Amino acid sequence: MTFDPEIDFFVATLRFGRELSENTCAAYARDLTRFGRWLEGRGRRSLADVTRLDIDDFLASELEAGMSSATRCRRTAAIRTFFSHLRERRVVPSDPTELLDVPKKALVLPRVLSEQETFAMLDAIDGKDPRSLRDRAMLELMYGCGLRVSEVCSLRLDDFVAEGELVRILGKGSKERVVPVGPAAGRTLVAYVESGRISFARDLEERHVFLTRLGRPFTRQGVFKIIKERAASVGIASERVSPHVLRHCFASHMLQHGADIRAIQEMLGHADIGTTQVYTHVDVARFGEIHRLHHPRARRDQVRAEEPFHDTEKGKQQ
């Protein structure tokens, strides 16, 4: 198609030049290909002919088709970045996105399980067979370290440092971070590596931590399946759980117990503190209770409410 070569070159630049994640590159490629097809249908044959009105009309048509605010934000970002790239390469004489309004992304609160539900799911995996040891270690590590599913799948034995007390994670954009391995995750991981992993390893050269029954590293779908299965065993509905829900639980539960949000940001590998701050919205009711218990004005009002009411004119108790 008309615009495919430029789109392909741009996505390659993101992948190899800026080292963006494969998922981000794939999403940008889909968004720009869709935009390119729309432009062709509008009669555009050159990117140099694309106007601000073209872009506005495209985004408006997508919105009418039911596009979510998150998708609209991503597509707007993809188009803006694409034309900035084209302008730098002098493929287009000017950037039609320079004054493009950036839509605000609607706040979507992350789904989380309660601590009791999370503990119940983890503690229910109490077998000593290799599969139970593996599944327990995997889920404990995801919850204990706030790992993304892709990070779990790519985790290698050499990534554990400081005698296993820390794990080195290669996250989005090839950014490395170091996260503490808590006692619960550490115990289950040692049990799995020492007693369970050998049952899955078909090749002594294989260094991935978590292996399937065929001795291969897990896929995202494989991890998803395990979490669904283990949640169902304790009565948690499948639509309430996913690998990312455990990551949300890690952050939300840490925040509930007083962890500094900057520390949570570092452990999650968020580049922007704003991404982490969404967790402050999850436990609004608890924050209200803390305010009522500890703020001096709120405490005074609570004490007054509990005291017997006195009629000031008659001076007697009602």
C-alpha atoms as a PDB file:
ATOM      1  CA  MET A   1       0.000   0.000   0.000  1.00  0.00           C
ATOM      2  CA  THR A   2       0.984   3.639  -0.509  1.00  0.00           C
ATOM      3  CA  PHE A   3       2.244   4.497   2.973  1.00  0.00           C
ATOM      4  CA  ASP A   4       3.495   1.084   4.144  1.00  0.00           C
ATOM      5  CA  PRO A   5       7.213   1.619   3.370  1.00  0.00           C
ATOM      6  CA  GLU A   6       7.390   4.776   5.504  1.00  0.00           C
ATOM      7  CA  ILE A   7       5.400   3.141   8.305  1.00  0.00           C
ATOM      8  CA  ASP A   8       7.654   0.080   8.267  1.00  0.00           C
ATOM      9  CA  PHE A   9      10.783   2.262   8.384  1.00  0.00           C
ATOM     10  CA  PHE A  10       9.358   4.295  11.271  1.00  0.00           C
ATOM     11  CA  VAL A  11       8.454   1.182  13.304  1.00  0.00           C
ATOM     12  CA  ALA A  12      11.953  -0.234  12.696  1.00  0.00           C
ATOM     13  CA  THR A  13      13.371   3.021  14.053  1.00  0.00           C
ATOM     14  CA  LEU A  14      11.269   2.654  17.197  1.00  0.00           C
ATOM     15  CA  ARG A  15      12.305  -0.966  17.619  1.00  0.00           C
ATOM     16  CA  PHE A  16      16.036  -0.680  17.012  1.00  0.00           C
ATOM     17  CA  GLY A  17      16.777   3.008  17.454  1.00  0.00           C
ATOM     18  CA  ARG A  18      14.659   3.860  20.480  1.00  0.00           C
ATOM     19  CA  GLU A  19      14.468   0.261  21.737  1.00  0.00           C
ATOM     20  CA  LEU A  20      10.744   0.400  22.492  1.00  0.00           C
ATOM     21  CA  SER A  21       9.045  -2.825  23.516  1.00  0.00           C
ATOM     22  CA  GLU A  22       7.747  -5.196  20.871  1.00  0.00           C
ATOM     23  CA  ASN A  23       4.180  -4.661  22.097  1.00  0.00           C
ATOM     24  CA  THR A  24       4.459  -0.876  21.720  1.00  0.00           C
ATOM     25  CA  CYS A  25       5.961  -1.190  18.238  1.00  0.00           C
ATOM     26  CA  ALA A  26       3.221  -3.601  17.175  1.00  0.00           C
ATOM     27  CA  ALA A  27       0.509  -1.268  18.501  1.00  0.00           C
ATOM     28  CA  TYR A  28       1.983   1.738  16.676  1.00  0.00           C
ATOM     29  CA  ALA A  29       2.244  -0.309  13.475  1.00  0.00           C
ATOM     30  CA  ARG A  30      -1.453  -1.282  13.699  1.00  0.00           C
ATOM     31  CA  ASP A  31      -2.546   2.280  14.444  1.00  0.00           C
ATOM     32  CA  LEU A  32      -0.554   3.826  11.596  1.00  0.00           C
ATOM     33  CA  THR A  33      -1.576   1.130   9.119  1.00  0.00           C
ATOM     34  CA  ARG A  34      -5.212   1.831   9.963  1.00  0.00           C
ATOM     35  CA  PHE A  35      -4.597   5.546   9.538  1.00  0.00           C
ATOM     36  CA  GLY A  36      -2.831   4.926   6.212  1.00  0.00           C
ATOM     37  CA  ARG A  37      -5.753   2.911   4.856  1.00  0.00           C
ATOM     38  CA  TRP A  38      -8.120   5.690   5.902  1.00  0.00           C
ATOM     39  CA  LEU A  39      -5.976   8.292   4.127  1.00  0.00           C
ATOM     40  CA  GLU A  40      -5.952   6.202   0.949  1.00  0.00           C
ATOM     41  CA  GLY A  41      -9.732   5.996   1.105  1.00  0.00           C
ATOM     42  CA  ARG A  42      -9.782   9.775   1.362  1.00  0.00           C
ATOM     43  CA  GLY A  43      -7.710  10.037  -1.804  1.00  0.00           C
ATOM     44  CA  ARG A  44      -4.376  10.962  -0.278  1.00  0.00           C
ATOM     45  CA  ARG A  45      -1.404   9.609  -2.205  1.00  0.00           C
ATOM     46  CA  SER A  46       1.424  11.444  -0.452  1.00  0.00           C
ATOM     47  CA  LEU A  47       2.175  12.026   3.240  1.00  0.00           C
ATOM     48  CA  ALA A  48       3.193  15.557   2.307  1.00  0.00           C
ATOM     49  CA  ASP A  49      -0.458  16.245   1.405  1.00  0.00           C
ATOM     50  CA  VAL A  50      -1.859  15.183   4.802  1.00  0.00           C
ATOM     51  CA  THR A  51      -3.411  18.067   6.733  1.00  0.00           C
ATOM     52  CA  ARG A  52      -4.469  18.712  10.296  1.00  0.00           C
ATOM     53  CA  LEU A  53      -8.074  18.365   9.129  1.00  0.00           C
ATOM     54  CA  ASP A  54      -7.347  14.860   7.807  1.00  0.00           C
ATOM     55  CA  ILE A  55      -6.029  13.808  11.191  1.00  0.00           C
ATOM     56  CA  ASP A  56      -8.915  15.399  13.096  1.00  0.00           C
ATOM     57  CA  ASP A  57     -11.446  13.701  10.812  1.00  0.00           C
ATOM     58  CA  PHE A  58      -9.739  10.328  11.221  1.00  0.00           C
ATOM     59  CA  LEU A  59      -9.760  10.522  15.013  1.00  0.00           C
ATOM     60  CA  ALA A  60     -13.370  11.724  14.973  1.00  0.00           C
ATOM     61  CA  SER A  61     -14.404   8.783  12.792  1.00  0.00           C
ATOM     62  CA  GLU A  62     -12.654   6.382  15.150  1.00  0.00           C
ATOM     63  CA  LEU A  63     -14.421   7.939  18.119  1.00  0.00           C
ATOM     64  CA  GLU A  64     -17.788   7.518  16.396  1.00  0.00           C
ATOM     65  CA  ALA A  65     -16.906   3.867  15.778  1.00  0.00           C
ATOM     66  CA  GLY A  66     -16.582   3.326  19.560  1.00  0.00           C
ATOM     67  CA  MET A  67     -12.851   3.803  20.083  1.00  0.00           C
ATOM     68  CA  SER A  68     -11.933   3.982  23.785  1.00  0.00           C
ATOM     69  CA  SER A  69     -10.153   7.020  25.203  1.00  0.00           C
ATOM     70  CA  ALA A  70      -7.038   4.923  25.865  1.00  0.00           C
ATOM     71  CA  THR A  71      -6.879   3.804  22.229  1.00  0.00           C
ATOM     72  CA  ARG A  72      -7.504   7.359  21.016  1.00  0.00           C
ATOM     73  CA  CYS A  73      -4.618   8.606  23.146  1.00  0.00           C
ATOM     74  CA  ARG A  74      -2.321   5.931  21.755  1.00  0.00           C
ATOM     75  CA  ARG A  75      -3.314   6.581  18.137  1.00  0.00           C
ATOM     76  CA  THR A  76      -2.851  10.300  18.578  1.00  0.00           C
ATOM     77  CA  ALA A  77       0.601   9.678  20.061  1.00  0.00           C
ATOM     78  CA  ALA A  78       1.478   7.320  17.193  1.00  0.00           C
ATOM     79  CA  ILE A  79       0.460   9.861  14.541  1.00  0.00           C
ATOM     80  CA  ARG A  80       2.272  12.735  16.296  1.00  0.00           C
ATOM     81  CA  THR A  81       5.474  10.708  16.673  1.00  0.00           C
ATOM     82  CA  PHE A  82       5.235   9.485  13.075  1.00  0.00           C
ATOM     83  CA  PHE A  83       4.949  12.972  11.580  1.00  0.00           C
ATOM     84  CA  SER A  84       7.687  14.323  13.826  1.00  0.00           C
ATOM     85  CA  HIS A  85       9.889  11.537  12.464  1.00  0.00           C
ATOM     86  CA  LEU A  86       8.878  12.387   8.875  1.00  0.00           C
ATOM     87  CA  ARG A  87       9.605  16.083   9.442  1.00  0.00           C
ATOM     88  CA  GLU A  88      13.070  15.314  10.813  1.00  0.00           C
ATOM     89  CA  ARG A  89      13.766  13.255   7.693  1.00  0.00           C
ATOM     90  CA  ARG A  90      12.286  16.017   5.490  1.00  0.00           C
ATOM     91  CA  VAL A  91       9.755  13.612   4.000  1.00  0.00           C
ATOM     92  CA  VAL A  92       7.075  16.232   4.712  1.00  0.00           C
ATOM     93  CA  PRO A  93       7.557  20.035   4.501  1.00  0.00           C
ATOM     94  CA  SER A  94       5.760  20.687   7.797  1.00  0.00           C
ATOM     95  CA  ASP A  95       4.285  18.769  10.725  1.00  0.00           C
ATOM     96  CA  PRO A  96       0.456  18.842  10.651  1.00  0.00           C
ATOM     97  CA  THR A  97       0.305  17.547  14.239  1.00  0.00           C
ATOM     98  CA  GLU A  98       2.145  20.490  15.854  1.00  0.00           C
ATOM     99  CA  LEU A  99      -1.083  22.057  17.138  1.00  0.00           C
ATOM    100  CA  LEU A 100      -2.991  18.795  17.473  1.00  0.00           C
ATOM    101  CA  ASP A 101      -4.958  18.549  20.716  1.00  0.00           C
ATOM    102  CA  VAL A 102      -3.816  15.662  22.887  1.00  0.00           C
ATOM    103  CA  PRO A 103      -6.880  13.895  24.317  1.00  0.00           C
ATOM    104  CA  LYS A 104      -6.903  13.232  28.023  1.00  0.00           C
ATOM    105  CA  LYS A 105      -6.821   9.602  28.946  1.00  0.00           C
ATOM    106  CA  ALA A 106      -9.715   8.576  31.158  1.00  0.00           C
ATOM    107  CA  LEU A 107      -8.667   7.344  34.590  1.00  0.00           C
ATOM    108  CA  VAL A 108      -9.219   3.607  34.739  1.00  0.00           C
ATOM    109  CA  LEU A 109      -8.661   2.189  38.198  1.00  0.00           C
ATOM    110  CA  PRO A 110      -6.708  -1.070  38.217  1.00  0.00           C
ATOM    111  CA  ARG A 111      -8.514  -4.219  39.290  1.00  0.00           C
ATOM    112  CA  VAL A 112      -7.109  -5.710  42.476  1.00  0.00           C
ATOM    113  CA  LEU A 113      -7.838  -8.635  44.755  1.00  0.00           C
ATOM    114  CA  SER A 114      -8.030  -8.155  48.485  1.00  0.00           C
ATOM    115  CA  GLU A 115      -5.102  -9.342  50.572  1.00  0.00           C
ATOM    116  CA  GLN A 116      -7.220 -12.216  51.878  1.00  0.00           C
ATOM    117  CA  GLU A 117      -8.101 -13.353  48.360  1.00  0.00           C
ATOM    118  CA  THR A 118      -4.501 -13.079  47.193  1.00  0.00           C
ATOM    119  CA  PHE A 119      -3.178 -15.045  50.165  1.00  0.00           C
ATOM    120  CA  ALA A 120      -5.868 -17.692  49.736  1.00  0.00           C
ATOM    121  CA  MET A 121      -4.906 -18.232  46.094  1.00  0.00           C
ATOM    122  CA  LEU A 122      -1.206 -18.486  46.897  1.00  0.00           C
ATOM    123  CA  ASP A 123      -1.545 -20.623  50.025  1.00  0.00           C
ATOM    124  CA  ALA A 124      -3.835 -23.086  48.229  1.00  0.00           C
ATOM    125  CA  ILE A 125      -0.841 -24.163  46.102  1.00  0.00           C
ATOM    126  CA  ASP A 126       0.729 -26.233  48.875  1.00  0.00           C
ATOM    127  CA  GLY A 127       1.736 -29.439  47.107  1.00  0.00           C
ATOM    128  CA  LYS A 128       5.320 -30.712  46.950  1.00  0.00           C
ATOM    129  CA  ASP A 129       5.095 -32.019  43.393  1.00  0.00           C
ATOM    130  CA  PRO A 130       7.136 -30.166  40.723  1.00  0.00           C
ATOM    131  CA  ARG A 131       4.131 -28.434  39.161  1.00  0.00           C
ATOM    132  CA  SER A 132       2.884 -27.085  42.493  1.00  0.00           C
ATOM    133  CA  LEU A 133       6.381 -25.905  43.437  1.00  0.00           C
ATOM    134  CA  ARG A 134       6.694 -24.144  40.083  1.00  0.00           C
ATOM    135  CA  ASP A 135       3.271 -22.514  40.117  1.00  0.00           C
ATOM    136  CA  ARG A 136       3.617 -21.341  43.722  1.00  0.00           C
ATOM    137  CA  ALA A 137       7.057 -19.843  43.051  1.00  0.00           C
ATOM    138  CA  MET A 138       5.826 -18.124  39.890  1.00  0.00           C
ATOM    139  CA  LEU A 139       2.795 -16.509  41.516  1.00  0.00           C
ATOM    140  CA  GLU A 140       4.652 -15.589  44.707  1.00  0.00           C
ATOM    141  CA  LEU A 141       7.343 -13.893  42.633  1.00  0.00           C
ATOM    142  CA  MET A 142       4.809 -11.990  40.526  1.00  0.00           C
ATOM    143  CA  TYR A 143       2.972 -10.763  43.614  1.00  0.00           C
ATOM    144  CA  GLY A 144       6.099 -10.270  45.705  1.00  0.00           C
ATOM    145  CA  CYS A 145       8.029  -8.284  43.088  1.00  0.00           C
ATOM    146  CA  GLY A 146       5.293  -6.707  40.936  1.00  0.00           C
ATOM    147  CA  LEU A 147       6.554  -8.294  37.726  1.00  0.00           C
ATOM    148  CA  ARG A 148       4.991  -7.955  34.294  1.00  0.00           C
ATOM    149  CA  VAL A 149       4.060 -11.226  32.614  1.00  0.00           C
ATOM    150  CA  SER A 150       6.725 -10.693  29.942  1.00  0.00           C
ATOM    151  CA  GLU A 151       9.319 -10.234  32.687  1.00  0.00           C
ATOM    152  CA  VAL A 152       8.302 -13.494  34.338  1.00  0.00           C
ATOM    153  CA  CYS A 153       8.564 -15.370  31.039  1.00  0.00           C
ATOM    154  CA  SER A 154      12.040 -14.012  30.300  1.00  0.00           C
ATOM    155  CA  LEU A 155      13.420 -14.384  33.840  1.00  0.00           C
ATOM    156  CA  ARG A 156      16.707 -16.308  33.987  1.00  0.00           C
ATOM    157  CA  LEU A 157      18.567 -17.985  36.834  1.00  0.00           C
ATOM    158  CA  ASP A 158      21.427 -15.508  36.462  1.00  0.00           C
ATOM    159  CA  ASP A 159      19.056 -12.603  37.153  1.00  0.00           C
ATOM    160  CA  PHE A 160      19.061 -13.334  40.891  1.00  0.00           C
ATOM    161  CA  VAL A 161      21.835 -11.501  42.715  1.00  0.00           C
ATOM    162  CA  ALA A 162      22.967 -10.856  46.299  1.00  0.00           C
ATOM    163  CA  GLU A 163      22.467 -14.524  47.193  1.00  0.00           C
ATOM    164  CA  GLY A 164      18.952 -14.448  45.762  1.00  0.00           C
ATOM    165  CA  GLU A 165      17.751 -11.494  47.819  1.00  0.00           C
ATOM    166  CA  LEU A 166      17.471  -9.271  44.743  1.00  0.00           C
ATOM    167  CA  VAL A 167      16.282  -9.903  41.206  1.00  0.00           C
ATOM    168  CA  ARG A 168      17.484  -7.943  38.190  1.00  0.00           C
ATOM    169  CA  ILE A 169      14.641  -7.208  35.768  1.00  0.00           C
ATOM    170  CA  LEU A 170      14.932  -6.090  32.162  1.00  0.00           C
ATOM    171  CA  GLY A 171      11.714  -4.153  31.649  1.00  0.00           C
ATOM    172  CA  LYS A 172      10.112  -2.037  28.946  1.00  0.00           C
ATOM    173  CA  GLY A 173      12.490  -0.284  26.625  1.00  0.00           C
ATOM    174  CA  SER A 174      15.327  -2.544  27.865  1.00  0.00           C
ATOM    175  CA  LYS A 175      15.415  -0.557  31.115  1.00  0.00           C
ATOM    176  CA  GLU A 176      16.946  -2.500  33.963  1.00  0.00           C
ATOM    177  CA  ARG A 177      15.776  -2.326  37.560  1.00  0.00           C
ATOM    178  CA  VAL A 178      16.558  -4.287  40.716  1.00  0.00           C
ATOM    179  CA  VAL A 179      13.728  -5.457  42.976  1.00  0.00           C
ATOM    180  CA  PRO A 180      13.940  -7.129  46.403  1.00  0.00           C
ATOM    181  CA  VAL A 181      12.775 -10.743  46.591  1.00  0.00           C
ATOM    182  CA  GLY A 182      10.727 -11.009  49.762  1.00  0.00           C
ATOM    183  CA  PRO A 183      10.994 -13.930  52.206  1.00  0.00           C
ATOM    184  CA  ALA A 184       7.802 -15.665  50.996  1.00  0.00           C
ATOM    185  CA  ALA A 185       8.785 -15.488  47.327  1.00  0.00           C
ATOM    186  CA  GLY A 186      12.373 -16.416  48.186  1.00  0.00           C
ATOM    187  CA  ARG A 187      11.405 -19.583  50.059  1.00  0.00           C
ATOM    188  CA  THR A 188       9.126 -20.852  47.320  1.00  0.00           C
ATOM    189  CA  LEU A 189      11.679 -19.999  44.637  1.00  0.00           C
ATOM    190  CA  VAL A 190      14.436 -21.958  46.421  1.00  0.00           C
ATOM    191  CA  ALA A 191      12.111 -24.942  46.841  1.00  0.00           C
ATOM    192  CA  TYR A 192      11.237 -24.898  43.149  1.00  0.00           C
ATOM    193  CA  VAL A 193      14.792 -24.463  41.855  1.00  0.00           C
ATOM    194  CA  GLU A 194      16.204 -27.123  44.181  1.00  0.00           C
ATOM    195  CA  SER A 195      13.445 -29.732  43.928  1.00  0.00           C
ATOM    196  CA  GLY A 196      11.048 -28.960  41.071  1.00  0.00           C
ATOM    197  CA  ARG A 197      12.798 -27.322  38.145  1.00  0.00           C
ATOM    198  CA  ILE A 198      14.873 -30.382  37.248  1.00  0.00           C
ATOM    199  CA  SER A 199      11.652 -32.208  36.335  1.00  0.00           C
ATOM    200  CA  PHE A 200      10.963 -29.662  33.573  1.00  0.00           C
ATOM    201  CA  ALA A 201      14.480 -28.989  32.312  1.00  0.00           C
ATOM    202  CA  ARG A 202      15.197 -31.024  29.179  1.00  0.00           C
ATOM    203  CA  ASP A 203      18.386 -29.157  28.387  1.00  0.00           C
ATOM    204  CA  LEU A 204      21.053 -28.414  31.000  1.00  0.00           C
ATOM    205  CA  GLU A 205      21.953 -25.288  29.033  1.00  0.00           C
ATOM    206  CA  GLU A 206      18.455 -23.838  29.527  1.00  0.00           C
ATOM    207  CA  ARG A 207      18.669 -20.885  31.937  1.00  0.00           C
ATOM    208  CA  HIS A 208      15.081 -19.633  32.034  1.00  0.00           C
ATOM    209  CA  VAL A 209      13.622 -19.982  35.521  1.00  0.00           C
ATOM    210  CA  PHE A 210      10.108 -21.112  34.735  1.00  0.00           C
ATOM    211  CA  LEU A 211       9.705 -23.966  32.279  1.00  0.00           C
ATOM    212  CA  THR A 212       6.708 -25.793  30.826  1.00  0.00           C
ATOM    213  CA  ARG A 213       6.300 -29.569  30.854  1.00  0.00           C
ATOM    214  CA  LEU A 214       8.075 -29.560  27.478  1.00  0.00           C
ATOM    215  CA  GLY A 215      11.086 -27.813  28.988  1.00  0.00           C
ATOM    216  CA  ARG A 216      10.449 -24.531  27.196  1.00  0.00           C
ATOM    217  CA  PRO A 217      10.142 -20.982  28.590  1.00  0.00           C
ATOM    218  CA  PHE A 218       6.586 -19.916  29.320  1.00  0.00           C
ATOM    219  CA  THR A 219       4.506 -17.792  26.989  1.00  0.00           C
ATOM    220  CA  ARG A 220       2.237 -15.042  28.254  1.00  0.00           C
ATOM    221  CA  GLN A 221      -0.761 -17.260  27.529  1.00  0.00           C
ATOM    222  CA  GLY A 222       0.730 -20.067  29.597  1.00  0.00           C
ATOM    223  CA  VAL A 223       1.175 -17.852  32.651  1.00  0.00           C
ATOM    224  CA  PHE A 224      -2.345 -16.485  32.193  1.00  0.00           C
ATOM    225  CA  LYS A 225      -3.739 -20.029  32.177  1.00  0.00           C
ATOM    226  CA  ILE A 226      -1.995 -20.953  35.430  1.00  0.00           C
ATOM    227  CA  ILE A 227      -3.309 -17.875  37.233  1.00  0.00           C
ATOM    228  CA  LYS A 228      -6.866 -18.512  36.044  1.00  0.00           C
ATOM    229  CA  GLU A 229      -6.669 -22.131  37.157  1.00  0.00           C
ATOM    230  CA  ARG A 230      -5.244 -21.344  40.586  1.00  0.00           C
ATOM    231  CA  ALA A 231      -7.756 -18.547  41.178  1.00  0.00           C
ATOM    232  CA  ALA A 232     -10.674 -20.797  40.228  1.00  0.00           C
ATOM    233  CA  SER A 233      -9.528 -23.367  42.792  1.00  0.00           C
ATOM    234  CA  VAL A 234     -10.378 -20.912  45.601  1.00  0.00           C
ATOM    235  CA  GLY A 235     -13.543 -19.537  44.026  1.00  0.00           C
ATOM    236  CA  ILE A 236     -12.176 -16.349  42.445  1.00  0.00           C
ATOM    237  CA  ALA A 237     -13.937 -15.598  39.154  1.00  0.00           C
ATOM    238  CA  SER A 238     -11.699 -15.864  36.101  1.00  0.00           C
ATOM    239  CA  GLU A 239     -12.590 -12.379  34.830  1.00  0.00           C
ATOM    240  CA  ARG A 240     -11.158 -10.873  38.029  1.00  0.00           C
ATOM    241  CA  VAL A 241      -7.637 -12.227  37.603  1.00  0.00           C
ATOM    242  CA  SER A 242      -4.774 -11.893  35.160  1.00  0.00           C
ATOM    243  CA  PRO A 243      -1.004 -11.575  35.396  1.00  0.00           C
ATOM    244  CA  HIS A 244      -1.373  -7.798  35.541  1.00  0.00           C
ATOM    245  CA  VAL A 245      -3.864  -8.024  38.411  1.00  0.00           C
ATOM    246  CA  LEU A 246      -1.128  -9.581  40.571  1.00  0.00           C
ATOM    247  CA  ARG A 247       1.137  -6.668  39.634  1.00  0.00           C
ATOM    248  CA  HIS A 248      -1.647  -4.270  40.642  1.00  0.00           C
ATOM    249  CA  CYS A 249      -2.063  -6.158  43.934  1.00  0.00           C
ATOM    250  CA  PHE A 250       1.642  -5.778  44.659  1.00  0.00           C
ATOM    251  CA  ALA A 251       1.478  -1.985  44.278  1.00  0.00           C
ATOM    252  CA  SER A 252      -1.891  -1.470  45.943  1.00  0.00           C
ATOM    253  CA  HIS A 253      -1.150  -3.643  48.972  1.00  0.00           C
ATOM    254  CA  MET A 254       2.282  -2.046  49.424  1.00  0.00           C
ATOM    255  CA  LEU A 255       0.682   1.389  49.360  1.00  0.00           C
ATOM    256  CA  GLN A 256      -1.956   0.312  51.874  1.00  0.00           C
ATOM    257  CA  HIS A 257       0.791  -0.656  54.295  1.00  0.00           C
ATOM    258  CA  GLY A 258       2.553   2.684  54.043  1.00  0.00           C
ATOM    259  CA  ALA A 259       5.162   2.160  51.305  1.00  0.00           C
ATOM    260  CA  ASP A 260       6.515   5.329  49.697  1.00  0.00           C
ATOM    261  CA  ILE A 261       5.011   5.829  46.249  1.00  0.00           C
ATOM    262  CA  ARG A 262       8.431   6.712  44.796  1.00  0.00           C
ATOM    263  CA  ALA A 263       9.779   3.360  45.970  1.00  0.00           C
ATOM    264  CA  ILE A 264       6.792   1.598  44.394  1.00  0.00           C
ATOM    265  CA  GLN A 265       7.457   3.500  41.156  1.00  0.00           C
ATOM    266  CA  GLU A 266      11.056   2.240  41.106  1.00  0.00           C
ATOM    267  CA  MET A 267      10.084  -1.353  41.831  1.00  0.00           C
ATOM    268  CA  LEU A 268       7.387  -1.340  39.126  1.00  0.00           C
ATOM    269  CA  GLY A 269       9.742   0.250  36.627  1.00  0.00           C
ATOM    270  CA  HIS A 270       7.422   3.152  35.805  1.00  0.00           C
ATOM    271  CA  ALA A 271       9.174   5.985  33.987  1.00  0.00           C
ATOM    272  CA  ASP A 272       6.499   8.490  35.086  1.00  0.00           C
ATOM    273  CA  ILE A 273       5.274   8.876  38.678  1.00  0.00           C
ATOM    274  CA  GLY A 274       1.843   9.688  37.226  1.00  0.00           C
ATOM    275  CA  THR A 275       1.493   6.064  36.121  1.00  0.00           C
ATOM    276  CA  THR A 276       2.092   4.899  39.684  1.00  0.00           C
ATOM    277  CA  GLN A 277      -0.213   7.467  41.255  1.00  0.00           C
ATOM    278  CA  VAL A 278      -3.271   5.651  39.906  1.00  0.00           C
ATOM    279  CA  TYR A 279      -2.899   3.329  42.897  1.00  0.00           C
ATOM    280  CA  THR A 280      -3.628   6.203  45.248  1.00  0.00           C
ATOM    281  CA  HIS A 281      -7.178   6.192  43.837  1.00  0.00           C
ATOM    282  CA  VAL A 282      -7.755   2.499  44.525  1.00  0.00           C
ATOM    283  CA  ASP A 283      -8.048   2.739  48.287  1.00  0.00           C
ATOM    284  CA  VAL A 284      -9.934   5.984  48.723  1.00  0.00           C
ATOM    285  CA  ALA A 285     -12.216   4.512  51.404  1.00  0.00           C
ATOM    286  CA  ARG A 286      -9.243   3.459  53.495  1.00  0.00           C
ATOM    287  CA  PHE A 287      -7.646   6.884  53.191  1.00  0.00           C
ATOM    288  CA  GLY A 288     -10.907   8.387  54.432  1.00  0.00           C
ATOM    289  CA  GLU A 289     -10.849   6.097  57.456  1.00  0.00           C
ATOM    290  CA  ILE A 290      -7.220   7.036  58.189  1.00  0.00           C
ATOM    291  CA  HIS A 291      -8.197  10.701  58.008  1.00  0.00           C
ATOM    292  CA  ARG A 292     -11.079  10.173  60.429  1.00  0.00           C
ATOM    293  CA  LEU A 293      -8.876   8.291  62.879  1.00  0.00           C
ATOM    294  CA  HIS A 294      -5.828  10.537  62.853  1.00  0.00           C
ATOM    295  CA  HIS A 295      -6.720  14.104  61.835  1.00  0.00           C
ATOM    296  CA  PRO A 296      -7.201  16.189  65.025  1.00  0.00           C
ATOM    297  CA  ARG A 297     -10.294  18.006  63.728  1.00  0.00           C
ATOM    298  CA  ALA A 298     -11.914  14.781  62.585  1.00  0.00           C
ATOM    299  CA  ARG A 299     -11.107  13.079  65.910  1.00  0.00           C
ATOM    300  CA  ARG A 300     -12.619  15.955  67.882  1.00  0.00           C
ATOM    301  CA  ASP A 301     -15.842  15.772  65.863  1.00  0.00           C
ATOM    302  CA  GLN A 302     -15.991  12.009  66.369  1.00  0.00           C
ATOM    303  CA  VAL A 303     -15.603  12.391  70.148  1.00  0.00           C
ATOM    304  CA  ARG A 304     -18.345  15.014  70.225  1.00  0.00           C
ATOM    305  CA  ALA A 305     -20.657  12.732  68.246  1.00  0.00           C
ATOM    306  CA  GLU A 306     -20.134   9.970  70.793  1.00  0.00           C
ATOM    307  CA  GLU A 307     -20.776  12.194  73.817  1.00  0.00           C
ATOM    308  CA  PRO A 308     -24.328  12.544  75.257  1.00  0.00           C
ATOM    309  CA  PHE A 309     -26.147  15.589  73.921  1.00  0.00           C
ATOM    310  CA  HIS A 310     -26.706  18.380  76.442  1.00  0.00           C
ATOM    311  CA  ASP A 311     -29.450  20.966  76.153  1.00  0.00           C
ATOM    312  CA  THR A 312     -27.549  24.190  76.789  1.00  0.00           C
ATOM    313  CA  GLU A 313     -30.690  26.152  77.706  1.00  0.00           C
ATOM    314  CA  LYS A 314     -32.112  23.685  80.218  1.00  0.00           C
ATOM    315  CA  GLY A 315     -28.738  22.361  81.295  1.00  0.00           C
ATOM    316  CA  LYS A 316     -29.974  18.834  81.413  1.00  0.00           C
ATOM    317  CA  GLN A 317     -29.159  15.677  79.498  1.00  0.00           C
ATOM    318  CA  GLN A 318     -31.520  14.663  76.694  1.00  0.00           C
END
